[in-house]
Protein backbone atom coordinates (compact mmCIF):
# COMPACT_ATOMS: atom_id res chain seq x y z
CA UNK A 1 -15.87 3.57 -16.57
CA UNK A 2 -13.71 0.88 -18.03
CA UNK A 3 -10.15 -0.23 -18.11
CA UNK A 4 -8.86 1.46 -15.07
CA UNK A 5 -5.33 1.70 -14.04
CA UNK A 6 -4.44 0.80 -10.52
CA UNK A 7 -1.47 1.37 -8.42
CA UNK A 8 -0.33 -1.22 -6.12
CA UNK A 9 3.39 -0.85 -5.13
CA UNK A 10 2.52 2.14 -2.79
CA UNK A 11 5.16 4.72 -2.31
CA UNK A 12 4.18 7.43 0.26
CA UNK A 13 6.93 10.11 0.80
CA UNK A 14 5.83 11.47 4.30
CA UNK A 15 5.33 10.69 7.95
CA UNK A 16 5.37 6.89 7.81
CA UNK A 17 4.25 3.81 6.14
CA UNK A 18 1.41 3.15 3.75
CA UNK A 19 -0.75 5.95 5.32
CA UNK A 20 1.68 8.74 4.77
CA UNK A 21 -0.34 11.70 3.11
CA UNK A 22 0.26 14.37 0.47
CA UNK A 23 -2.57 16.72 0.26
CA UNK A 24 -4.00 17.56 -3.31
CA UNK A 25 -4.30 21.26 -2.51
CA UNK A 26 -0.67 21.79 -1.80
CA UNK A 27 0.89 24.73 -3.88
CA UNK A 28 -2.61 26.29 -4.85
CA UNK A 29 -2.94 30.02 -5.06
CA UNK A 30 -4.94 30.86 -1.98
CA UNK A 31 -5.04 34.53 -2.81
CA UNK A 32 -7.98 33.85 -5.23
CA UNK A 33 -11.42 33.36 -3.83
CA UNK A 34 -12.01 31.10 -6.96
CA UNK A 35 -10.57 30.11 -10.02
CA UNK A 36 -11.39 27.96 -12.83
CA UNK A 37 -8.97 26.04 -15.65
CA UNK A 38 -9.28 23.62 -18.52
CA UNK A 39 -6.41 21.79 -20.09
CA UNK A 40 -6.25 20.04 -23.36
CA UNK A 41 -3.53 17.62 -24.26
CA UNK A 42 -2.57 15.42 -27.14
CA UNK A 43 -0.67 12.42 -26.23
CA UNK A 44 1.19 9.26 -27.61
CA UNK A 45 1.39 6.24 -25.33
CA UNK A 46 3.46 3.08 -26.47
CA UNK A 47 2.16 0.80 -23.68
CA UNK A 48 -1.15 2.17 -22.30
CA UNK A 49 -2.58 -1.23 -21.27
CA UNK A 50 0.89 -1.98 -19.09
CA UNK A 51 1.37 -5.21 -21.14
CA UNK A 52 4.46 -7.32 -20.04
CA UNK A 53 7.58 -6.87 -22.04
CA UNK A 54 6.95 -7.87 -25.63
CA UNK A 55 3.55 -9.35 -24.67
CA UNK A 56 0.11 -7.78 -25.12
CA UNK A 57 1.74 -4.33 -25.36
CA UNK A 58 -0.67 -1.87 -27.19
CA UNK A 59 0.04 1.78 -28.22
CA UNK A 60 -2.25 4.63 -28.88
CA UNK A 61 -2.67 8.15 -29.92
CA UNK A 62 -5.07 10.11 -27.98
CA UNK A 63 -6.33 13.34 -26.21
CA UNK A 64 -7.14 14.39 -22.65
CA UNK A 65 -9.64 17.05 -21.46
CA UNK A 66 -9.11 18.13 -17.81
CA UNK A 67 -11.32 21.04 -16.46
CA UNK A 68 -11.04 22.02 -12.72
CA UNK A 69 -12.79 24.33 -10.25
CA UNK A 70 -11.16 25.81 -7.11
CA UNK A 71 -12.43 27.59 -4.08
CA UNK A 72 -10.40 29.25 -1.35
CA UNK A 73 -11.67 30.97 1.92
CA UNK A 74 -8.63 32.66 3.47
CA UNK A 75 -9.68 34.41 6.97
CA UNK A 76 -7.38 35.79 9.61
CA UNK A 77 -7.05 32.57 11.44
CA UNK A 78 -8.56 30.04 9.06
CA UNK A 79 -8.01 28.65 5.61
CA UNK A 80 -10.57 26.69 3.72
CA UNK A 81 -10.06 25.17 0.31
CA UNK A 82 -11.92 22.99 -2.10
CA UNK A 83 -11.02 21.61 -5.67
CA UNK A 84 -12.75 19.36 -8.10
CA UNK A 85 -10.71 18.04 -11.12
CA UNK A 86 -12.08 16.03 -13.93
CA UNK A 87 -10.00 14.00 -16.41
CA UNK A 88 -11.33 12.36 -19.65
CA UNK A 89 -8.91 10.50 -21.80
CA UNK A 90 -9.75 9.17 -25.36
CA UNK A 91 -7.63 6.42 -26.82
CA UNK A 92 -7.93 6.13 -30.58
CA UNK A 93 -6.72 2.43 -30.46
CA UNK A 94 -9.92 1.18 -28.66
CA UNK A 95 -12.88 0.05 -30.94
CA UNK A 96 -15.13 0.45 -27.92
CA UNK A 97 -15.08 2.13 -24.63
CA UNK A 98 -12.42 4.43 -25.89
CA UNK A 99 -12.78 7.06 -22.98
CA UNK A 100 -11.24 6.62 -19.42
CA UNK A 101 -12.70 8.94 -16.75
CA UNK A 102 -11.39 10.22 -13.52
CA UNK A 103 -12.48 12.32 -10.65
CA UNK A 104 -10.67 13.93 -7.73
CA UNK A 105 -12.14 16.17 -4.92
CA UNK A 106 -9.72 17.82 -2.54
CA UNK A 107 -10.55 19.43 0.82
CA UNK A 108 -7.97 21.43 2.84
CA UNK A 109 -8.83 23.01 6.46
CA UNK A 110 -6.63 24.70 8.89
CA UNK A 111 -7.21 26.92 11.88
CA UNK A 112 -4.95 28.76 14.36
CA UNK A 113 -6.67 29.02 17.87
CA UNK A 114 -3.40 31.06 18.99
CA UNK A 115 0.05 31.43 17.89
CA UNK A 116 0.76 28.14 20.06
CA UNK A 117 -2.28 25.97 18.96
CA UNK A 118 -3.52 24.89 15.51
CA UNK A 119 -5.23 22.11 13.58
CA UNK A 120 -4.93 20.93 9.84
CA UNK A 121 -7.37 18.75 8.22
CA UNK A 122 -6.85 17.34 4.47
CA UNK A 123 -9.04 15.01 2.55
CA UNK A 124 -8.67 13.68 -0.91
CA UNK A 125 -11.35 11.51 -2.85
CA UNK A 126 -10.37 10.00 -6.05
CA UNK A 127 -12.07 7.65 -8.63
CA UNK A 128 -9.38 7.32 -11.29
CA UNK A 129 -7.74 5.47 -14.04
CA UNK A 130 -4.44 7.08 -14.00
CA UNK A 131 -2.15 5.35 -11.21
CA UNK A 132 -0.50 8.76 -10.57
CA UNK A 133 -3.78 9.85 -8.97
CA UNK A 134 -4.39 6.64 -6.90
CA UNK A 135 -0.53 6.71 -5.57
CA UNK A 136 2.92 6.87 -6.88
CA UNK A 137 3.75 3.29 -7.15
CA UNK A 138 4.27 0.34 -9.41
CA UNK A 139 1.20 0.42 -11.77
CA UNK A 140 -0.63 -2.24 -13.60
CA UNK A 141 -4.08 -2.48 -15.43
CA UNK A 142 -7.14 -3.69 -14.19
CA UNK A 143 -10.92 -3.23 -15.12
CA UNK A 144 -13.33 -1.34 -12.92
CA UNK A 145 -13.94 1.74 -10.67
CA UNK A 146 -11.19 2.06 -8.40
CA UNK A 147 -11.71 4.19 -5.41
CA UNK A 148 -9.28 5.90 -2.78
CA UNK A 149 -9.90 8.28 -0.06
CA UNK A 150 -7.23 9.71 2.01
CA UNK A 151 -7.72 11.78 5.13
CA UNK A 152 -5.43 13.20 7.56
CA UNK A 153 -5.93 15.26 10.90
CA UNK A 154 -3.06 16.86 12.72
CA UNK A 155 -2.96 19.05 15.95
CA UNK A 156 -0.21 21.20 16.96
CA UNK A 157 0.59 22.54 20.31
CA UNK A 158 3.69 24.44 21.34
CA UNK A 159 3.72 23.53 24.94
CA UNK A 160 6.64 25.58 25.88
CA UNK A 161 8.98 28.04 23.99
CA UNK A 162 11.25 24.88 23.19
CA UNK A 163 8.90 21.87 23.46
CA UNK A 164 6.00 20.99 21.01
CA UNK A 165 3.84 18.35 20.47
CA UNK A 166 2.07 16.85 17.49
CA UNK A 167 -0.96 14.50 17.52
CA UNK A 168 -2.60 13.12 14.43
CA UNK A 169 -4.51 10.48 12.65
CA UNK A 170 -4.36 9.39 9.12
CA UNK A 171 -6.97 7.01 7.25
CA UNK A 172 -6.85 5.53 3.91
CA UNK A 173 -9.64 3.68 2.43
CA UNK A 174 -9.35 1.37 -0.91
CA UNK A 175 -11.97 -0.32 -2.74
CA UNK A 176 -11.07 -1.81 -6.14
CA UNK A 177 -13.87 -2.87 -8.51
CA UNK A 178 -12.46 -6.13 -9.35
CA UNK A 179 -13.99 -8.98 -7.35
CA UNK A 180 -14.15 -11.98 -9.43
CA UNK A 181 -12.19 -14.79 -8.08
CA UNK A 182 -10.99 -17.08 -10.86
CA UNK A 183 -11.73 -20.74 -10.60
CA UNK A 184 -11.65 -23.69 -12.75
CA UNK A 185 -14.14 -26.61 -12.20
CA UNK A 186 -14.74 -24.86 -9.04
CA UNK A 187 -11.23 -25.12 -7.76
CA UNK A 188 -9.70 -21.78 -6.70
CA UNK A 189 -6.92 -20.49 -9.10
CA UNK A 190 -6.46 -17.00 -8.78
CA UNK A 191 -7.49 -14.02 -6.27
CA UNK A 192 -9.38 -10.72 -7.42
CA UNK A 193 -7.79 -7.42 -6.95
CA UNK A 194 -10.54 -6.50 -4.40
CA UNK A 195 -9.76 -9.59 -2.51
CA UNK A 196 -6.02 -8.73 -2.36
CA UNK A 197 -6.03 -4.97 -1.59
CA UNK A 198 -9.29 -3.61 -0.42
CA UNK A 199 -8.49 -2.39 2.85
CA UNK A 200 -8.67 0.39 5.65
CA UNK A 201 -5.51 1.78 6.97
CA UNK A 202 -5.30 3.77 10.20
CA UNK A 203 -2.33 5.44 11.44
CA UNK A 204 -2.15 7.22 14.76
CA UNK A 205 0.82 9.71 15.24
CA UNK A 206 2.36 11.27 18.18
CA UNK A 207 5.65 13.32 17.80
CA UNK A 208 7.40 15.42 20.59
CA UNK A 209 9.66 18.28 19.09
CA UNK A 210 12.45 20.25 20.88
CA UNK A 211 13.87 23.52 19.56
CA UNK A 212 17.53 22.80 20.28
CA UNK A 213 18.59 25.74 18.19
CA UNK A 214 16.68 28.55 16.21
CA UNK A 215 17.42 26.58 13.16
CA UNK A 216 17.30 22.99 14.50
CA UNK A 217 14.57 21.02 15.85
CA UNK A 218 14.98 17.47 17.45
CA UNK A 219 12.02 14.96 17.64
CA UNK A 220 10.97 11.66 18.85
CA UNK A 221 7.87 9.88 17.64
CA UNK A 222 5.64 6.85 17.84
CA UNK A 223 3.27 5.64 15.30
CA UNK A 224 0.50 2.98 15.55
CA UNK A 225 -0.64 1.57 12.15
CA UNK A 226 -3.75 -0.63 11.92
CA UNK A 227 -4.48 -2.47 8.53
CA UNK A 228 -7.78 -4.07 7.92
CA UNK A 229 -8.41 -5.99 4.49
CA UNK A 230 -11.97 -5.78 3.42
CA UNK A 231 -12.13 -8.21 0.49
CA UNK A 232 -13.81 -10.96 2.40
CA UNK A 233 -12.57 -13.45 -0.31
CA UNK A 234 -10.39 -16.35 -0.73
CA UNK A 235 -6.76 -15.20 -1.79
CA UNK A 236 -4.97 -18.27 -1.58
CA UNK A 237 -4.62 -21.89 -1.15
CA UNK A 238 -1.96 -23.54 1.03
CA UNK A 239 0.06 -26.35 0.02
CA UNK A 240 -2.14 -29.37 1.31
CA UNK A 241 0.97 -31.55 1.96
CA UNK A 242 2.18 -28.93 4.47
CA UNK A 243 -0.91 -27.25 5.74
CA UNK A 244 -4.35 -27.73 4.24
CA UNK A 245 -6.91 -24.89 4.06
CA UNK A 246 -7.67 -21.68 2.35
CA UNK A 247 -6.35 -18.09 2.87
CA UNK A 248 -8.68 -15.17 3.15
CA UNK A 249 -8.16 -11.48 2.67
CA UNK A 250 -8.36 -10.70 6.48
CA UNK A 251 -5.52 -13.19 6.82
CA UNK A 252 -3.29 -10.34 6.01
CA UNK A 253 -4.52 -7.97 8.76
CA UNK A 254 -1.70 -6.17 10.82
CA UNK A 255 -0.72 -3.97 13.39
CA UNK A 256 2.52 -2.07 12.93
CA UNK A 257 4.57 -0.03 15.43
CA UNK A 258 6.84 2.86 14.29
CA UNK A 259 9.53 4.03 16.69
CA UNK A 260 11.77 6.93 15.38
CA UNK A 261 13.96 10.02 16.38
CA UNK A 262 15.11 12.65 14.04
CA UNK A 263 16.08 16.24 13.22
CA UNK A 264 15.15 19.14 11.13
CA UNK A 265 17.75 21.60 10.21
CA UNK A 266 17.85 24.77 8.25
CA UNK A 267 21.15 25.40 6.99
CA UNK A 268 20.16 28.55 5.00
CA UNK A 269 17.06 30.40 4.48
CA UNK A 270 16.53 28.45 1.17
CA UNK A 271 18.09 25.32 2.33
CA UNK A 272 16.65 22.62 4.69
CA UNK A 273 16.86 18.94 5.66
CA UNK A 274 14.82 16.47 7.47
CA UNK A 275 16.01 13.04 8.92
CA UNK A 276 13.99 10.44 10.75
CA UNK A 277 15.46 6.96 11.80
CA UNK A 278 13.87 4.03 13.56
CA UNK A 279 12.40 0.65 13.46
CA UNK A 280 9.02 -0.72 12.62
CA UNK A 281 7.52 -4.06 14.15
CA UNK A 282 4.91 -5.75 11.83
CA UNK A 283 2.59 -7.99 14.04
CA UNK A 284 0.17 -9.92 11.69
CA UNK A 285 -3.09 -11.15 13.10
CA UNK A 286 -2.73 -14.54 11.49
CA UNK A 287 0.68 -16.04 12.57
CA UNK A 288 -0.14 -19.13 10.76
CA UNK A 289 0.36 -17.60 7.26
CA UNK A 290 2.57 -14.71 7.96
CA UNK A 291 5.75 -14.14 10.09
CA UNK A 292 5.91 -11.11 12.21
CA UNK A 293 9.03 -9.06 11.69
CA UNK A 294 11.31 -5.92 12.31
CA UNK A 295 12.60 -3.80 9.71
CA UNK A 296 14.41 -0.36 9.64
CA UNK A 297 12.38 2.95 9.09
CA UNK A 298 14.15 5.63 7.51
CA UNK A 299 12.80 9.02 5.98
CA UNK A 300 15.20 11.43 4.68
CA UNK A 301 14.69 14.68 2.67
CA UNK A 302 16.30 17.82 1.73
CA UNK A 303 15.33 20.92 -0.40
CA UNK A 304 17.38 23.95 -1.77
CA UNK A 305 16.35 26.92 -3.52
CA UNK A 306 19.34 27.65 -5.55
CA UNK A 307 18.17 30.51 -7.52
CA UNK A 308 15.06 32.69 -8.10
CA UNK A 309 12.62 30.30 -9.76
CA UNK A 310 15.17 27.40 -9.05
CA UNK A 311 14.42 24.59 -6.58
CA UNK A 312 15.52 20.85 -6.04
CA UNK A 313 14.32 18.44 -3.58
CA UNK A 314 15.68 14.94 -2.92
CA UNK A 315 14.72 12.10 -0.46
CA UNK A 316 14.89 8.56 0.45
CA UNK A 317 12.34 6.43 2.23
CA UNK A 318 12.45 2.93 3.75
CA UNK A 319 9.13 1.13 5.08
CA UNK A 320 6.81 -1.70 4.42
CA UNK A 321 3.88 -1.42 1.88
CA UNK A 322 0.81 -3.75 0.82
CA UNK A 323 1.45 -5.81 -2.36
CA UNK A 324 -0.84 -7.54 -4.88
CA UNK A 325 1.50 -10.63 -4.77
CA UNK A 326 0.47 -13.51 -2.58
CA UNK A 327 2.24 -16.39 -3.83
CA UNK A 328 1.74 -19.16 -1.04
CA UNK A 329 4.78 -21.60 -0.40
CA UNK A 330 5.99 -23.60 2.58
CA UNK A 331 2.74 -22.75 4.70
CA UNK A 332 3.18 -19.16 4.30
CA UNK A 333 1.94 -16.11 2.11
CA UNK A 334 3.35 -13.06 0.83
CA UNK A 335 2.26 -10.43 3.32
CA UNK A 336 3.92 -7.27 2.30
CA UNK A 337 7.00 -5.93 0.52
CA UNK A 338 9.71 -3.91 2.27
CA UNK A 339 10.88 -0.97 -0.04
CA UNK A 340 13.61 1.66 -0.24
CA UNK A 341 12.81 4.58 -2.50
CA UNK A 342 14.96 7.44 -3.85
CA UNK A 343 13.43 10.25 -5.47
CA UNK A 344 14.24 13.81 -6.91
CA UNK A 345 12.41 16.65 -8.12
CA UNK A 346 13.94 19.90 -9.79
CA UNK A 347 12.18 23.03 -10.96
CA UNK A 348 14.11 25.77 -13.03
CA UNK A 349 12.92 29.04 -14.68
CA UNK A 350 14.61 29.00 -17.81
CA UNK A 351 13.29 32.43 -18.91
CA UNK A 352 10.66 34.65 -17.13
CA UNK A 353 7.88 32.61 -19.15
CA UNK A 354 9.61 29.18 -19.67
CA UNK A 355 9.65 26.78 -16.69
CA UNK A 356 11.25 23.20 -16.82
CA UNK A 357 10.29 20.45 -14.23
CA UNK A 358 12.06 17.21 -13.95
CA UNK A 359 11.39 14.24 -11.61
CA UNK A 360 12.93 10.74 -10.94
CA UNK A 361 12.32 7.95 -8.76
CA UNK A 362 13.62 4.43 -8.02
CA UNK A 363 12.10 2.05 -5.93
CA UNK A 364 13.50 -1.37 -4.84
CA UNK A 365 11.05 -3.49 -3.19
CA UNK A 366 11.58 -7.11 -1.68
CA UNK A 367 8.77 -9.46 -0.92
CA UNK A 368 8.34 -10.99 2.53
CA UNK A 369 7.19 -14.47 2.59
CA UNK A 370 5.69 -17.01 0.07
CA UNK A 371 7.18 -18.41 -3.06
CA UNK A 372 8.87 -15.14 -4.02
CA UNK A 373 10.08 -14.36 -0.56
CA UNK A 374 13.42 -12.27 -0.71
CA UNK A 375 12.82 -11.62 -4.38
CA UNK A 376 12.14 -8.24 -5.82
CA UNK A 377 10.73 -5.67 -8.08
CA UNK A 378 12.73 -2.75 -9.22
CA UNK A 379 10.60 0.32 -10.54
CA UNK A 380 12.24 3.28 -12.26
CA UNK A 381 10.23 6.47 -13.47
CA UNK A 382 11.41 9.59 -14.87
CA UNK A 383 9.65 12.64 -16.39
CA UNK A 384 10.38 16.22 -17.77
CA UNK A 385 7.79 18.88 -18.49
CA UNK A 386 8.27 22.37 -20.01
CA UNK A 387 5.54 25.04 -19.73
CA UNK A 388 5.52 28.50 -21.50
CA UNK A 389 3.32 31.08 -20.09
CA UNK A 390 1.83 32.89 -23.14
CA UNK A 391 -0.25 35.25 -21.07
CA UNK A 392 -1.75 35.59 -17.60
CA UNK A 393 -4.69 33.24 -18.61
CA UNK A 394 -3.13 30.98 -21.15
CA UNK A 395 0.04 28.54 -21.14
CA UNK A 396 1.22 25.79 -23.23
CA UNK A 397 3.03 22.68 -22.41
CA UNK A 398 5.07 19.77 -23.50
CA UNK A 399 6.42 16.61 -21.71
CA UNK A 400 7.84 12.99 -21.62
CA UNK A 401 7.47 10.32 -19.10
CA UNK A 402 9.25 6.95 -19.01
CA UNK A 403 8.57 3.87 -16.70
CA UNK A 404 10.32 0.69 -16.40
CA UNK A 405 9.66 -2.31 -14.01
CA UNK A 406 12.18 -5.04 -13.63
CA UNK A 407 10.79 -8.06 -11.63
CA UNK A 408 12.20 -11.28 -10.45
CA UNK A 409 8.69 -12.80 -10.86
CA UNK A 410 8.03 -14.10 -14.44
CA UNK A 411 5.77 -12.11 -16.60
CA UNK A 412 5.61 -9.04 -14.58
CA UNK A 413 8.40 -6.74 -16.20
CA UNK A 414 7.30 -3.90 -18.63
CA UNK A 415 8.37 -0.54 -19.93
CA UNK A 416 6.18 2.52 -20.90
CA UNK A 417 6.74 5.59 -22.90
CA UNK A 418 4.59 8.76 -23.06
CA UNK A 419 4.76 12.01 -24.87
CA UNK A 420 2.38 14.95 -24.88
CA UNK A 421 1.65 18.60 -25.74
CA UNK A 422 -1.11 20.61 -24.39
CA UNK A 423 -2.59 23.99 -23.53
CA UNK A 424 -4.23 25.21 -20.33
CA UNK A 425 -6.57 28.20 -19.93
CA UNK A 426 -6.89 29.56 -16.25
CA UNK A 427 -9.17 32.40 -14.95
């Protein structure tokens, strides 16, 4: 597989930090024991190579073939789901290696021991070109097979009628197939993507929940995050006048502590909101090149079913995430980025057979440390999709997506427009 697109400005809307989880089987029809589907799309992409503005931009027509198979096993107290999805994209602009291939395998398992005790297990494995499959972040282009495996385990216990406990563990493993360090005359020039972003992320979760009212739940929580960078390569060279010596992948290893409190409230049967606020302390293993810091932690979301077939979701997340920027300066490197993200999603049934879905996201990220410390990226994306149900087994769709990155770092900004039309058969 060639010319894979990777995603680095990670945005995870969920429990906390870079290890938040979004299961791939969410929203599937669990009433069917098995199902198969296949989608054929034609598309036009005016910047599929993620070229910088007015530089190296390449556009292409193409088509996408995407079959999938899904199995469900719903039992009285247990559910097991498994899905495999393949995507093959053909770009007419390429004279060779015209195809991009991606694979996604999702597993979901939950079991209720009693009405008071249950467990959930999710796993999603991806080898992908599309940044949307790797994670919803600021995308850019790189060669190679990029792997991401995301796993979550959560145990729920209702200790009393009002007091509940959640204990969980999240893990995300990243492996980018781009490990060539750029040198000139044997002198280090630029790090590889593998050296910068190959990592193993662990997140241990503990929440206490108090049912204050039938429609209101208060919570307090603590999360422990541990991030190990696995590239085992040089990623920077400090200014020899200030501090001589190379910087390696593991020099960005860190431990993070999340402390927060929050509330979940159901205003109506079809309207609810969730709020978590607190602070995060980031403790780097190598204080020589990184600076420990405290940052705010906020996760706010709300949903409203305003009509039959109509739903809107909005949210805001503030936390810290990894970055591909390292930029040594003044004896320090860029260790991470602090990001604020606003997002929204609306689904509306225009007619009994026609559904419109729109989404929007804005992310403002500030780099921590290094040459570009306190400078930022602003990433905006929006999309709309129309789906018409021709019959029980056949539907057609059309859509448009727009991405725009404005960056204080020279040569990093770009924009991208995509339009598509397709048909899906499901059985």
